[in-house]
Every structure is written in C-alpha cells, then in structure tokens.
N, C-alpha and C. Protein backbone atom coordinates (compact mmCIF):
# COMPACT_ATOMS: atom_id res chain seq x y z
N MET A 1 21.80 13.98 -22.16
CA MET A 1 20.94 12.99 -23.14
C MET A 1 20.44 11.81 -22.52
N SER A 2 21.19 10.97 -21.50
CA SER A 2 20.47 9.85 -20.83
C SER A 2 19.31 10.20 -20.12
N ASN A 3 19.34 11.27 -19.51
CA ASN A 3 18.23 11.75 -18.79
C ASN A 3 17.04 11.85 -19.49
N ARG A 4 17.04 11.98 -20.65
CA ARG A 4 15.79 12.05 -21.76
C ARG A 4 15.44 10.56 -21.91
N LYS A 5 16.23 9.78 -22.19
CA LYS A 5 16.01 8.23 -22.43
C LYS A 5 15.49 7.75 -21.25
N PHE A 6 15.68 8.00 -20.00
CA PHE A 6 15.19 7.57 -18.85
C PHE A 6 13.87 8.08 -18.76
N VAL A 7 13.45 9.43 -19.06
CA VAL A 7 11.99 9.96 -18.67
C VAL A 7 11.26 9.36 -19.71
N ARG A 8 11.90 9.43 -21.17
CA ARG A 8 10.98 8.87 -22.04
C ARG A 8 10.72 7.06 -21.83
N GLY A 9 11.48 6.37 -21.12
CA GLY A 9 11.50 5.09 -20.73
C GLY A 9 10.40 4.87 -19.92
N VAL A 10 10.28 5.83 -18.69
CA VAL A 10 9.45 5.78 -17.71
C VAL A 10 8.12 6.14 -18.37
N ILE A 11 7.80 6.82 -19.10
CA ILE A 11 6.60 7.53 -19.90
C ILE A 11 5.99 6.25 -20.55
N ILE A 12 6.96 5.71 -21.34
CA ILE A 12 6.47 4.53 -22.34
C ILE A 12 6.25 3.41 -21.30
N GLY A 13 6.81 3.09 -20.24
CA GLY A 13 6.64 2.09 -19.46
C GLY A 13 5.46 2.28 -18.83
N ALA A 14 4.99 3.49 -18.27
CA ALA A 14 3.67 3.78 -17.80
C ALA A 14 2.63 3.44 -18.73
N ALA A 15 2.63 4.39 -19.77
CA ALA A 15 1.60 3.88 -20.83
C ALA A 15 1.32 2.40 -21.32
N VAL A 16 2.46 1.70 -21.27
CA VAL A 16 2.30 0.27 -21.67
C VAL A 16 1.46 -0.44 -20.41
N GLY A 17 1.92 -0.10 -19.28
CA GLY A 17 1.38 -0.69 -18.01
C GLY A 17 -0.04 -0.27 -18.25
N GLY A 18 -0.48 1.03 -18.34
CA GLY A 18 -1.73 1.36 -18.07
C GLY A 18 -2.81 0.64 -19.19
N LEU A 19 -2.26 0.57 -20.52
CA LEU A 19 -3.02 -0.19 -21.46
C LEU A 19 -3.06 -1.70 -21.09
N VAL A 20 -2.15 -2.32 -20.54
CA VAL A 20 -2.06 -3.65 -19.94
C VAL A 20 -3.29 -3.98 -19.00
N THR A 21 -3.31 -2.89 -17.97
CA THR A 21 -4.44 -2.93 -17.00
C THR A 21 -5.86 -2.96 -17.60
N LEU A 22 -5.94 -2.20 -18.60
CA LEU A 22 -7.33 -2.08 -19.24
C LEU A 22 -7.75 -3.34 -19.85
N PHE A 23 -7.06 -4.45 -19.81
CA PHE A 23 -7.56 -5.60 -20.41
C PHE A 23 -8.31 -6.29 -19.50
N ASP A 24 -8.71 -5.98 -18.41
CA ASP A 24 -9.50 -6.09 -17.25
C ASP A 24 -10.83 -5.51 -17.63
N ARG A 25 -12.09 -6.01 -17.71
CA ARG A 25 -13.23 -5.53 -17.95
C ARG A 25 -13.45 -4.43 -16.89
N GLU A 26 -13.47 -4.83 -15.62
CA GLU A 26 -13.91 -4.07 -14.49
C GLU A 26 -12.98 -2.83 -14.41
N THR A 27 -11.68 -2.71 -14.69
CA THR A 27 -10.78 -1.80 -14.60
C THR A 27 -11.17 -0.69 -15.65
N ARG A 28 -11.56 -1.65 -16.79
CA ARG A 28 -11.59 -0.55 -18.05
C ARG A 28 -13.11 0.14 -17.90
N ASN A 29 -14.21 -0.46 -17.10
CA ASN A 29 -15.28 0.02 -16.74
C ASN A 29 -15.19 1.29 -15.66
N ASP A 30 -14.36 0.93 -14.85
CA ASP A 30 -14.07 1.90 -13.81
C ASP A 30 -13.31 3.17 -14.54
N VAL A 31 -12.36 3.06 -15.42
CA VAL A 31 -11.67 4.17 -15.95
C VAL A 31 -12.69 4.92 -17.06
N VAL A 32 -13.50 4.39 -17.75
CA VAL A 32 -14.55 5.02 -18.34
C VAL A 32 -15.38 5.71 -17.67
N GLY A 33 -16.00 5.19 -16.57
CA GLY A 33 -16.73 5.97 -15.42
C GLY A 33 -15.93 7.32 -14.93
N LYS A 34 -14.69 7.06 -14.60
CA LYS A 34 -14.08 8.14 -14.05
C LYS A 34 -13.57 9.18 -15.06
N LEU A 35 -13.36 8.83 -16.35
CA LEU A 35 -13.34 9.71 -17.24
C LEU A 35 -14.71 10.62 -17.75
N ARG A 36 -15.70 9.90 -17.65
CA ARG A 36 -16.99 10.50 -17.94
C ARG A 36 -17.45 11.45 -16.81
N SER A 37 -16.96 11.15 -15.71
CA SER A 37 -17.21 11.87 -14.36
C SER A 37 -16.32 13.41 -14.36
N THR A 38 -14.81 12.94 -14.84
CA THR A 38 -14.10 14.14 -14.78
C THR A 38 -14.76 15.07 -16.13
N GLY A 39 -15.13 14.68 -17.19
CA GLY A 39 -15.53 15.17 -18.33
C GLY A 39 -16.83 16.14 -17.94
N ASN A 40 -17.49 15.34 -17.41
CA ASN A 40 -18.97 16.01 -16.80
C ASN A 40 -18.42 17.43 -15.80
N ALA A 41 -17.28 17.14 -14.95
CA ALA A 41 -17.25 18.23 -14.07
C ALA A 41 -16.50 19.26 -14.69
N THR A 42 -15.55 18.86 -15.65
CA THR A 42 -14.94 20.09 -16.37
C THR A 42 -15.82 20.87 -17.19
N THR A 43 -16.80 20.22 -17.85
CA THR A 43 -17.90 21.06 -18.64
C THR A 43 -18.50 21.85 -17.63
N TYR A 44 -19.03 21.37 -16.62
CA TYR A 44 -19.72 22.23 -15.53
C TYR A 44 -18.84 23.70 -15.16
N TYR A 45 -17.63 23.14 -14.80
CA TYR A 45 -16.63 24.39 -14.35
C TYR A 45 -16.28 25.22 -15.44
N VAL A 46 -16.51 24.80 -16.74
CA VAL A 46 -16.15 25.72 -17.82
C VAL A 46 -17.44 26.69 -17.92
N LYS A 47 -18.69 26.13 -17.48
CA LYS A 47 -19.73 26.98 -18.06
C LYS A 47 -20.03 27.80 -16.51
N HIS A 48 -19.24 27.37 -15.58
CA HIS A 48 -19.61 28.14 -14.25
C HIS A 48 -18.35 28.49 -13.77
N PRO A 49 -17.53 29.33 -14.16
CA PRO A 49 -16.37 29.65 -13.86
C PRO A 49 -16.15 30.30 -12.27
N SER A 50 -17.35 30.84 -11.70
CA SER A 50 -17.24 31.56 -10.53
C SER A 50 -17.34 30.51 -9.60
N THR A 51 -17.99 29.23 -9.85
CA THR A 51 -18.14 28.07 -9.03
C THR A 51 -16.83 27.46 -9.00
N ALA A 52 -16.32 27.30 -9.98
CA ALA A 52 -14.89 26.76 -10.16
C ALA A 52 -13.93 27.44 -9.17
N PHE A 53 -13.89 28.60 -9.32
CA PHE A 53 -12.72 29.53 -8.21
C PHE A 53 -13.30 29.39 -6.90
N HIS A 54 -14.81 29.37 -6.74
CA HIS A 54 -15.02 29.18 -5.18
C HIS A 54 -14.55 27.95 -4.69
N ASP A 55 -14.84 26.74 -5.36
CA ASP A 55 -14.64 25.59 -4.93
C ASP A 55 -12.89 25.28 -4.71
N LEU A 56 -12.10 26.00 -5.62
CA LEU A 56 -10.74 26.06 -5.57
C LEU A 56 -10.18 26.68 -4.29
N THR A 57 -10.99 27.73 -4.05
CA THR A 57 -10.50 28.64 -2.97
C THR A 57 -10.89 27.93 -1.72
N ALA A 58 -12.07 27.01 -1.71
CA ALA A 58 -12.49 26.47 -0.28
C ALA A 58 -11.48 25.24 -0.21
N GLY A 59 -11.23 24.48 -1.37
CA GLY A 59 -10.38 23.45 -0.89
C GLY A 59 -9.02 23.73 -0.66
N TYR A 60 -8.46 24.73 -1.16
CA TYR A 60 -7.22 25.45 -0.76
C TYR A 60 -7.20 25.87 0.88
N GLN A 61 -8.38 26.39 1.19
CA GLN A 61 -8.67 26.58 2.67
C GLN A 61 -8.74 25.34 3.50
N GLN A 62 -9.37 24.48 2.78
CA GLN A 62 -9.55 23.34 3.86
C GLN A 62 -7.99 22.71 4.00
N LEU A 63 -7.52 22.69 2.99
CA LEU A 63 -6.01 21.92 2.88
C LEU A 63 -5.03 22.81 3.90
N SER A 64 -5.32 24.04 3.76
CA SER A 64 -4.46 24.90 4.79
C SER A 64 -4.58 24.78 6.12
N ASN A 65 -5.99 24.69 6.36
CA ASN A 65 -6.39 24.35 7.89
C ASN A 65 -6.01 22.79 8.42
N GLN A 66 -5.98 21.81 7.29
CA GLN A 66 -5.27 20.67 7.79
C GLN A 66 -4.09 20.68 8.18
N LEU A 67 -3.33 21.34 7.42
CA LEU A 67 -1.88 21.40 7.42
C LEU A 67 -1.60 21.92 8.70
N ALA A 68 -2.27 23.18 8.66
CA ALA A 68 -1.93 23.92 10.02
C ALA A 68 -2.24 23.10 11.53
N THR A 69 -3.48 22.32 11.28
CA THR A 69 -3.62 21.47 12.34
C THR A 69 -2.72 20.20 12.56
N GLY A 70 -2.06 19.85 11.60
CA GLY A 70 -1.29 18.78 11.66
C GLY A 70 0.35 19.45 12.26
N LEU A 71 0.60 20.55 11.62
CA LEU A 71 1.68 21.16 12.09
C LEU A 71 1.66 21.53 13.68
N ASN A 72 0.68 22.19 14.06
CA ASN A 72 0.17 22.28 15.62
C ASN A 72 0.31 20.98 16.40
N SER A 73 -0.36 19.92 15.82
CA SER A 73 0.10 18.68 16.60
C SER A 73 1.45 17.92 16.81
N THR A 74 2.19 18.33 15.63
CA THR A 74 3.80 17.87 15.63
C THR A 74 4.47 18.77 16.52
N LEU A 75 4.23 19.99 16.49
CA LEU A 75 4.96 20.88 17.55
C LEU A 75 4.73 20.56 19.00
N GLN A 76 3.35 20.41 19.15
CA GLN A 76 2.97 19.94 20.48
C GLN A 76 3.58 18.60 21.14
N MET A 77 3.74 17.44 19.98
CA MET A 77 4.24 16.39 20.32
C MET A 77 5.78 16.56 20.45
N LEU A 78 6.56 17.43 19.65
CA LEU A 78 7.82 17.77 19.90
C LEU A 78 8.25 18.39 21.31
N ALA A 79 7.21 19.47 21.57
CA ALA A 79 7.45 19.93 23.11
C ALA A 79 7.40 18.92 24.20
N GLN A 80 6.32 18.04 23.97
CA GLN A 80 6.35 17.10 24.98
C GLN A 80 7.49 16.02 25.22
N LEU A 81 8.10 15.77 23.80
CA LEU A 81 9.10 14.87 23.63
C LEU A 81 10.39 15.81 24.35
N GLN A 82 10.40 16.95 24.18
CA GLN A 82 11.51 17.77 24.98
C GLN A 82 11.42 17.87 26.43
N ASP A 83 10.32 18.00 26.99
CA ASP A 83 10.01 17.95 28.33
C ASP A 83 10.36 16.76 29.01
N LEU A 84 9.96 15.58 28.24
CA LEU A 84 10.48 14.25 28.79
C LEU A 84 11.86 13.98 28.66
N LEU A 85 12.62 14.39 27.70
CA LEU A 85 14.05 14.38 27.49
C LEU A 85 14.74 15.22 28.70
N ASP A 86 14.05 16.52 28.84
CA ASP A 86 14.57 17.48 29.82
C ASP A 86 14.52 16.60 31.18
N SER A 87 13.34 16.27 31.59
CA SER A 87 13.25 15.46 32.93
C SER A 87 14.13 14.20 33.11
N ILE A 88 14.41 13.41 31.86
CA ILE A 88 15.08 12.38 32.11
C ILE A 88 16.59 12.76 32.27
N ASP A 89 17.10 13.84 31.55
CA ASP A 89 18.46 14.69 31.89
C ASP A 89 18.59 14.85 33.39
N VAL A 90 17.72 15.64 33.97
CA VAL A 90 17.59 16.04 35.40
C VAL A 90 17.85 14.92 36.24
N GLU A 91 17.31 14.03 35.91
CA GLU A 91 17.29 12.57 36.94
C GLU A 91 18.52 12.01 36.70
N GLU A 92 19.18 11.84 35.50
CA GLU A 92 20.51 11.48 35.34
C GLU A 92 21.52 12.14 36.23
N LYS A 93 21.27 13.55 36.27
CA LYS A 93 22.18 14.17 36.68
C LYS A 93 21.93 14.19 38.32
N LYS A 94 20.93 13.94 38.94
CA LYS A 94 20.84 13.59 40.17
C LYS A 94 21.43 12.55 40.67
N ASP A 95 21.22 11.54 40.03
CA ASP A 95 21.84 9.89 40.09
C ASP A 95 23.27 9.93 39.98
N THR A 96 24.03 10.67 39.13
CA THR A 96 25.31 10.76 38.86
C THR A 96 26.06 11.40 40.07
N PRO A 97 27.00 10.51 40.76
CA PRO A 97 27.84 11.14 41.67
C PRO A 97 28.79 12.06 41.47
N PRO A 98 29.16 13.17 42.02
CA PRO A 98 30.00 14.28 41.99
C PRO A 98 31.50 13.64 41.47
N ALA A 99 32.03 14.16 40.30
CA ALA A 99 33.32 13.71 39.99
C ALA A 99 34.23 14.19 40.89
N LYS A 100 35.23 13.28 41.10
CA LYS A 100 36.46 13.56 41.96
C LYS A 100 37.64 14.50 41.34
N GLN A 101 38.04 15.22 42.08
CA GLN A 101 39.20 16.23 41.53
C GLN A 101 40.26 15.95 42.06
C-alpha cells in the first residue's frame, strides 16, 4: 500500500514540477515545438510504417554496434590492466628475499 502512495507522490510531484517550469515562456515555446515535431514524426511513421520499421532497425543496429565497440574497448583496457598487475607481481617476487626455513 505504501509503495502505491510513493509512486503516486512521485508522479504528482513530477507533474507539478513540469507545470511550474512551463511558467517560463522560453521553456513553454521549446516544449510546444518539441511536441509539434514529435506529432509530425508520429504522423509520418503512421503513414509510412515500413520507414518506421527500417529506422527502428537501423537505430537498433547502430546502438548494438556502439555497445559492442564499448565492450571491446573495456575488455582491452582490462587485459592491459591485468598485464600491468601481473608485471608488478613478478617484479615484487624478484625483489622479495626468499623466506628462511
């Protein structure tokens, strides 16, 4: 029950905050422009569903490529870090005198 109150409070707070920001003329004009642009794009895609599907597929492919590139870069950095840590570990073992028995 309290979870519903929290979610409702967040939604109401966001709505009130959004309305308060619309008191600024520049923000209001920007929002109206974005809504018109979104409406025009939606109308176009409703009339041309194959284009919508193509654009969605192309966007997904681009996002997938960017994610793969980022993951490859991360893996390369981790491999370099591992090599660096291994070399430090080898150097420490050389500098450490053997333990007395």
